[in-house]
Amino acid sequence: MRFRTGIVNVVTFRRIIQTVGKIQKKVVMRLGQSEVRIICNSDEGGVQVTIRVLALFEDYRVESKSGNDIALLLDTDALEQVLHSAPGNEVVMKLAKKNDVCVLNFQIFGNSRMGRRLTVSHDVRTEVLRPGELERLKEPMCPEPDVHTLLPPLGKMRTIAEKLRGITDIVAVHANHSGQFSFSAATESIKVEVEWENLTNPVIGASHPEVDERAPVDKQRMFAVLLRTRSLLKFLNAHTAADSGGVLTFYLPAVLDD
């Protein structure tokens, strides 16, 4: 089992680790031949980040008996601290074993104030998952969406969600095919609703035959889901890297209304 790569965009890689670290401190980094996936799951939701190898790495090599696929369990705080110390420097990341303990070794190359070449080495302790554990790392089963909406700016949504948290632990999210989207929270004595209009409803999945066979969509019909305010805020507080060359997918568990 071997893994070694250079990191060409340390700042973006660090921002991605910060993002998933706000959801959970222990994550799985799955190293494939063309993609790197960072996965974290918790009772309050999860994140899966898919990064193209060429977007962040160079001289990338991964070898294993499991189809050249390796999964590592890592602590985001330890990983973020190492990346924080390396902006602007050449960084090599590799899987190693020291004193019978698996580590992700980082070699950071730079220059001293006198112009001398320096090499600093950091180890992040890791655990290599077995093939059986690797197979269980799958995206959660989700129903076909009733509506797709491009969200308003996350900063504005976060400000509103923080205020709603003082009212209730549960928030209702509504959307339709006419570009309307809203948050609402209610108790026995108060109800608050905030609505956005003229948002974009992207066409996703229209190439599937079953989509064309459905009855005409009522564009004014509002679809709703209940979410825990804390789960929603974890998502909204995550600062994503838009130019990471990958996709960040967040999963928030719905609250069933009995």
Protein backbone atom coordinates (compact mmCIF):
# COMPACT_ATOMS: atom_id res chain seq x y z
CA MET A 1 0.00 0.00 0.00
CA ARG A 2 1.53 3.29 -1.13
CA PHE A 3 0.44 6.88 -1.40
CA ARG A 4 2.40 10.00 -2.22
CA THR A 5 1.52 13.36 -3.78
CA GLY A 6 2.51 16.98 -3.97
CA ILE A 7 -0.09 19.60 -2.96
CA VAL A 8 -0.25 22.45 -5.45
CA ASN A 9 -3.06 24.42 -3.79
CA VAL A 10 -2.52 24.23 -0.03
CA VAL A 11 -4.84 27.15 0.79
CA THR A 12 -7.86 25.62 -0.95
CA PHE A 13 -7.17 22.18 0.54
CA ARG A 14 -7.05 23.76 3.99
CA ARG A 15 -10.35 25.57 3.42
CA ILE A 16 -12.03 22.31 2.44
CA ILE A 17 -10.75 20.63 5.62
CA GLN A 18 -12.05 23.59 7.65
CA THR A 19 -15.45 23.19 6.01
CA VAL A 20 -15.92 19.51 6.84
CA GLY A 21 -14.36 20.04 10.28
CA LYS A 22 -17.30 22.25 11.22
CA ILE A 23 -19.59 19.26 10.71
CA GLN A 24 -17.44 16.61 12.40
CA LYS A 25 -13.86 16.36 13.67
CA LYS A 26 -13.24 12.81 12.43
CA VAL A 27 -13.44 12.35 8.66
CA VAL A 28 -12.57 9.72 6.10
CA MET A 29 -10.31 10.71 3.22
CA ARG A 30 -10.76 8.24 0.37
CA LEU A 31 -7.90 8.25 -2.10
CA GLY A 32 -8.79 7.05 -5.60
CA GLN A 33 -6.91 7.18 -8.86
CA SER A 34 -8.70 10.21 -10.32
CA GLU A 35 -10.62 11.63 -7.34
CA VAL A 36 -10.11 12.28 -3.65
CA ARG A 37 -13.22 12.11 -1.48
CA ILE A 38 -13.57 13.51 2.01
CA ILE A 39 -16.50 12.04 3.90
CA CYS A 40 -18.02 12.81 7.27
CA ASN A 41 -21.31 11.61 8.69
CA SER A 42 -23.12 12.50 11.90
CA ASP A 43 -26.63 12.44 13.34
CA GLU A 44 -27.02 16.10 12.35
CA GLY A 45 -26.04 15.62 8.73
CA GLY A 46 -23.03 14.85 6.62
CA VAL A 47 -20.73 16.11 3.91
CA GLN A 48 -19.08 14.43 0.98
CA VAL A 49 -16.42 16.37 -0.91
CA THR A 50 -15.29 15.12 -4.32
CA ILE A 51 -12.07 16.68 -5.61
CA ARG A 52 -10.45 16.06 -8.96
CA VAL A 53 -6.86 14.99 -8.38
CA LEU A 54 -5.50 17.40 -11.00
CA ALA A 55 -7.21 20.35 -9.28
CA LEU A 56 -5.16 20.22 -6.07
CA PHE A 57 -2.38 17.68 -6.47
CA GLU A 58 0.62 16.81 -8.64
CA ASP A 59 2.83 13.71 -9.02
CA TYR A 60 -0.08 11.81 -7.47
CA ARG A 61 0.43 8.08 -6.89
CA VAL A 62 -1.81 5.64 -5.01
CA GLU A 63 -1.43 1.86 -4.94
CA SER A 64 -3.29 -0.81 -2.97
CA LYS A 65 -4.64 -4.32 -3.31
CA SER A 66 -8.17 -2.87 -3.14
CA GLY A 67 -8.25 -1.54 -6.67
CA ASN A 68 -5.76 1.24 -5.89
CA ASP A 69 -8.20 2.71 -3.40
CA ILE A 70 -7.18 3.74 0.15
CA ALA A 71 -9.39 5.17 2.90
CA LEU A 72 -7.87 7.00 5.89
CA LEU A 73 -9.58 8.08 9.11
CA LEU A 74 -8.21 11.51 10.09
CA ASP A 75 -8.64 14.27 12.65
CA THR A 76 -9.52 17.54 10.89
CA ASP A 77 -7.96 19.77 13.57
CA ALA A 78 -4.57 18.07 13.26
CA LEU A 79 -4.70 18.14 9.47
CA GLU A 80 -5.77 21.79 9.35
CA GLN A 81 -2.93 22.83 11.70
CA VAL A 82 -0.34 21.27 9.39
CA LEU A 83 -1.80 22.91 6.28
CA HIS A 84 -1.98 26.25 8.11
CA SER A 85 1.81 26.20 8.54
CA ALA A 86 2.48 25.58 4.85
CA PRO A 87 0.96 28.33 2.64
CA GLY A 88 3.23 29.35 -0.22
CA ASN A 89 5.61 26.45 0.30
CA GLU A 90 6.19 23.21 -1.55
CA VAL A 91 4.37 20.39 0.27
CA VAL A 92 4.60 16.63 -0.19
CA MET A 93 2.04 14.37 1.50
CA LYS A 94 2.61 10.63 1.85
CA LEU A 95 1.40 7.62 3.79
CA ALA A 96 4.03 6.21 6.16
CA LYS A 97 4.46 3.97 9.18
CA LYS A 98 6.40 5.02 12.26
CA ASN A 99 6.77 2.80 15.33
CA ASP A 100 4.05 0.52 13.91
CA VAL A 101 1.64 3.48 13.70
CA CYS A 102 0.21 4.69 10.38
CA VAL A 103 0.72 8.40 9.78
CA LEU A 104 0.12 10.88 7.01
CA ASN A 105 3.50 12.54 6.68
CA PHE A 106 3.85 16.10 5.39
CA GLN A 107 7.19 17.43 4.19
CA ILE A 108 7.20 21.21 3.85
CA PHE A 109 10.04 22.73 1.82
CA GLY A 110 10.97 26.39 2.15
CA ASN A 111 13.81 28.84 2.61
CA SER A 112 15.20 30.48 5.72
CA ARG A 113 15.77 34.22 6.02
CA MET A 114 19.37 33.55 5.04
CA GLY A 115 18.24 31.80 1.86
CA ARG A 116 19.05 28.30 3.05
CA ARG A 117 16.84 25.40 1.99
CA LEU A 118 14.73 24.08 4.87
CA THR A 119 12.58 20.96 5.25
CA VAL A 120 10.00 20.65 8.03
CA SER A 121 8.24 17.34 8.63
CA HIS A 122 4.85 16.85 10.33
CA ASP A 123 3.00 13.62 11.07
CA VAL A 124 -0.78 13.29 11.38
CA ARG A 125 -1.82 10.03 12.96
CA THR A 126 -4.26 8.06 10.82
CA GLU A 127 -6.06 4.74 10.61
CA VAL A 128 -6.32 2.79 7.37
CA LEU A 129 -9.80 1.36 6.89
CA ARG A 130 -10.22 -2.24 5.82
CA PRO A 131 -11.87 -3.09 2.46
CA GLY A 132 -15.11 -4.11 4.22
CA GLU A 133 -15.29 -0.75 5.99
CA LEU A 134 -14.51 0.98 2.72
CA GLU A 135 -17.53 -0.58 1.01
CA ARG A 136 -19.87 0.87 3.65
CA LEU A 137 -18.81 4.43 2.80
CA LYS A 138 -21.70 5.28 0.50
CA GLU A 139 -23.92 8.28 0.02
CA PRO A 140 -27.20 8.10 1.97
CA MET A 141 -30.31 7.00 0.12
CA CYS A 142 -32.30 10.11 -0.79
CA PRO A 143 -35.69 10.32 -2.52
CA GLU A 144 -36.00 12.03 -5.90
CA PRO A 145 -36.22 15.80 -5.23
CA ASP A 146 -39.58 17.51 -5.75
CA VAL A 147 -37.88 20.80 -6.62
CA HIS A 148 -34.38 22.16 -7.27
CA THR A 149 -33.56 25.72 -6.21
CA LEU A 150 -30.42 27.82 -6.39
CA LEU A 151 -30.25 29.20 -2.86
CA PRO A 152 -29.95 32.85 -1.84
CA PRO A 153 -26.57 34.00 -0.45
CA LEU A 154 -25.68 31.68 2.43
CA GLY A 155 -24.60 34.62 4.61
CA LYS A 156 -28.10 36.10 4.51
CA MET A 157 -29.69 32.72 5.16
CA ARG A 158 -27.37 32.19 8.13
CA THR A 159 -28.34 35.52 9.72
CA ILE A 160 -32.03 34.61 9.52
CA ALA A 161 -31.51 31.03 10.73
CA GLU A 162 -29.61 32.29 13.78
CA LYS A 163 -32.56 34.51 14.70
CA LEU A 164 -35.03 31.67 14.18
CA ARG A 165 -32.97 29.49 16.52
CA GLY A 166 -34.08 31.74 19.38
CA ILE A 167 -37.69 30.88 18.58
CA THR A 168 -37.69 27.12 18.01
CA ASP A 169 -35.45 24.10 17.42
CA ILE A 170 -37.28 23.22 14.21
CA VAL A 171 -37.49 25.30 11.04
CA ALA A 172 -39.65 24.66 7.98
CA VAL A 173 -38.11 25.14 4.53
CA HIS A 174 -40.46 25.72 1.57
CA ALA A 175 -39.78 25.98 -2.16
CA ASN A 176 -41.69 25.80 -5.43
CA HIS A 177 -41.04 25.82 -9.18
CA SER A 178 -41.69 29.56 -9.47
CA GLY A 179 -38.51 30.64 -7.73
CA GLN A 180 -40.03 31.10 -4.27
CA PHE A 181 -38.13 29.91 -1.21
CA SER A 182 -38.84 30.49 2.48
CA PHE A 183 -37.91 29.77 6.07
CA SER A 184 -40.57 29.65 8.76
CA ALA A 185 -40.68 28.95 12.47
CA ALA A 186 -43.70 28.78 14.76
CA THR A 187 -44.68 28.29 18.39
CA GLU A 188 -48.02 28.53 20.14
CA SER A 189 -47.66 32.30 20.44
CA ILE A 190 -45.59 33.42 17.44
CA LYS A 191 -44.96 32.64 13.78
CA VAL A 192 -42.15 34.04 11.65
CA GLU A 193 -41.68 33.53 7.91
CA VAL A 194 -39.03 34.95 5.58
CA GLU A 195 -39.43 34.54 1.82
CA TRP A 196 -37.24 35.00 -1.26
CA GLU A 197 -38.61 35.37 -4.77
CA ASN A 198 -37.31 35.18 -8.34
CA LEU A 199 -34.76 32.49 -7.56
CA THR A 200 -33.60 30.07 -10.25
CA ASN A 201 -35.03 26.56 -10.55
CA PRO A 202 -32.38 24.65 -12.52
CA VAL A 203 -33.47 21.77 -14.74
CA ILE A 204 -31.80 18.65 -13.39
CA GLY A 205 -32.57 15.11 -14.49
CA ALA A 206 -34.74 16.13 -17.45
CA SER A 207 -32.87 13.66 -19.62
CA HIS A 208 -34.46 10.73 -17.78
CA PRO A 209 -37.47 9.29 -19.64
CA GLU A 210 -39.62 9.07 -16.52
CA VAL A 211 -39.35 12.84 -16.05
CA ASP A 212 -41.06 13.53 -19.38
CA GLU A 213 -43.93 11.21 -18.51
CA ARG A 214 -44.94 13.06 -15.36
CA ALA A 215 -48.02 15.23 -15.18
CA PRO A 216 -47.49 18.99 -15.73
CA VAL A 217 -45.91 20.62 -12.70
CA ASP A 218 -47.97 23.04 -10.62
CA LYS A 219 -45.38 25.81 -10.37
CA GLN A 220 -47.14 27.47 -7.42
CA ARG A 221 -47.26 24.35 -5.27
CA MET A 222 -44.98 24.70 -2.25
CA PHE A 223 -42.92 21.69 -1.16
CA ALA A 224 -41.78 21.65 2.46
CA VAL A 225 -39.36 19.88 4.77
CA LEU A 226 -38.67 20.24 8.50
CA LEU A 227 -35.07 20.61 9.64
CA ARG A 228 -33.41 21.01 13.00
CA THR A 229 -32.12 24.56 13.29
CA ARG A 230 -28.77 23.32 14.60
CA SER A 231 -28.25 21.07 11.55
CA LEU A 232 -29.17 23.90 9.20
CA LEU A 233 -26.75 26.30 10.89
CA LYS A 234 -23.89 23.80 10.67
CA PHE A 235 -24.37 23.79 6.92
CA LEU A 236 -24.73 27.57 6.65
CA ASN A 237 -21.66 28.18 8.83
CA ALA A 238 -19.46 26.06 6.58
CA HIS A 239 -17.26 28.23 4.35
CA THR A 240 -16.82 26.36 1.11
CA ALA A 241 -14.10 26.75 -1.49
CA ALA A 242 -15.81 27.68 -4.75
CA ASP A 243 -12.67 27.20 -6.86
CA SER A 244 -11.62 23.86 -5.39
CA GLY A 245 -12.17 21.96 -8.62
CA GLY A 246 -14.66 19.69 -6.89
CA VAL A 247 -18.14 19.33 -5.47
CA LEU A 248 -19.26 19.65 -1.85
CA THR A 249 -22.50 17.79 -1.10
CA PHE A 250 -24.25 18.37 2.23
CA TYR A 251 -26.88 16.00 3.65
CA LEU A 252 -29.26 17.34 6.30
CA PRO A 253 -31.63 14.85 7.99
CA ALA A 254 -35.31 15.76 7.81
CA VAL A 255 -37.51 15.84 10.91
CA LEU A 256 -40.60 13.67 10.54
CA ASP A 257 -43.81 15.37 11.63
CA ASP A 258 -45.90 12.89 13.59
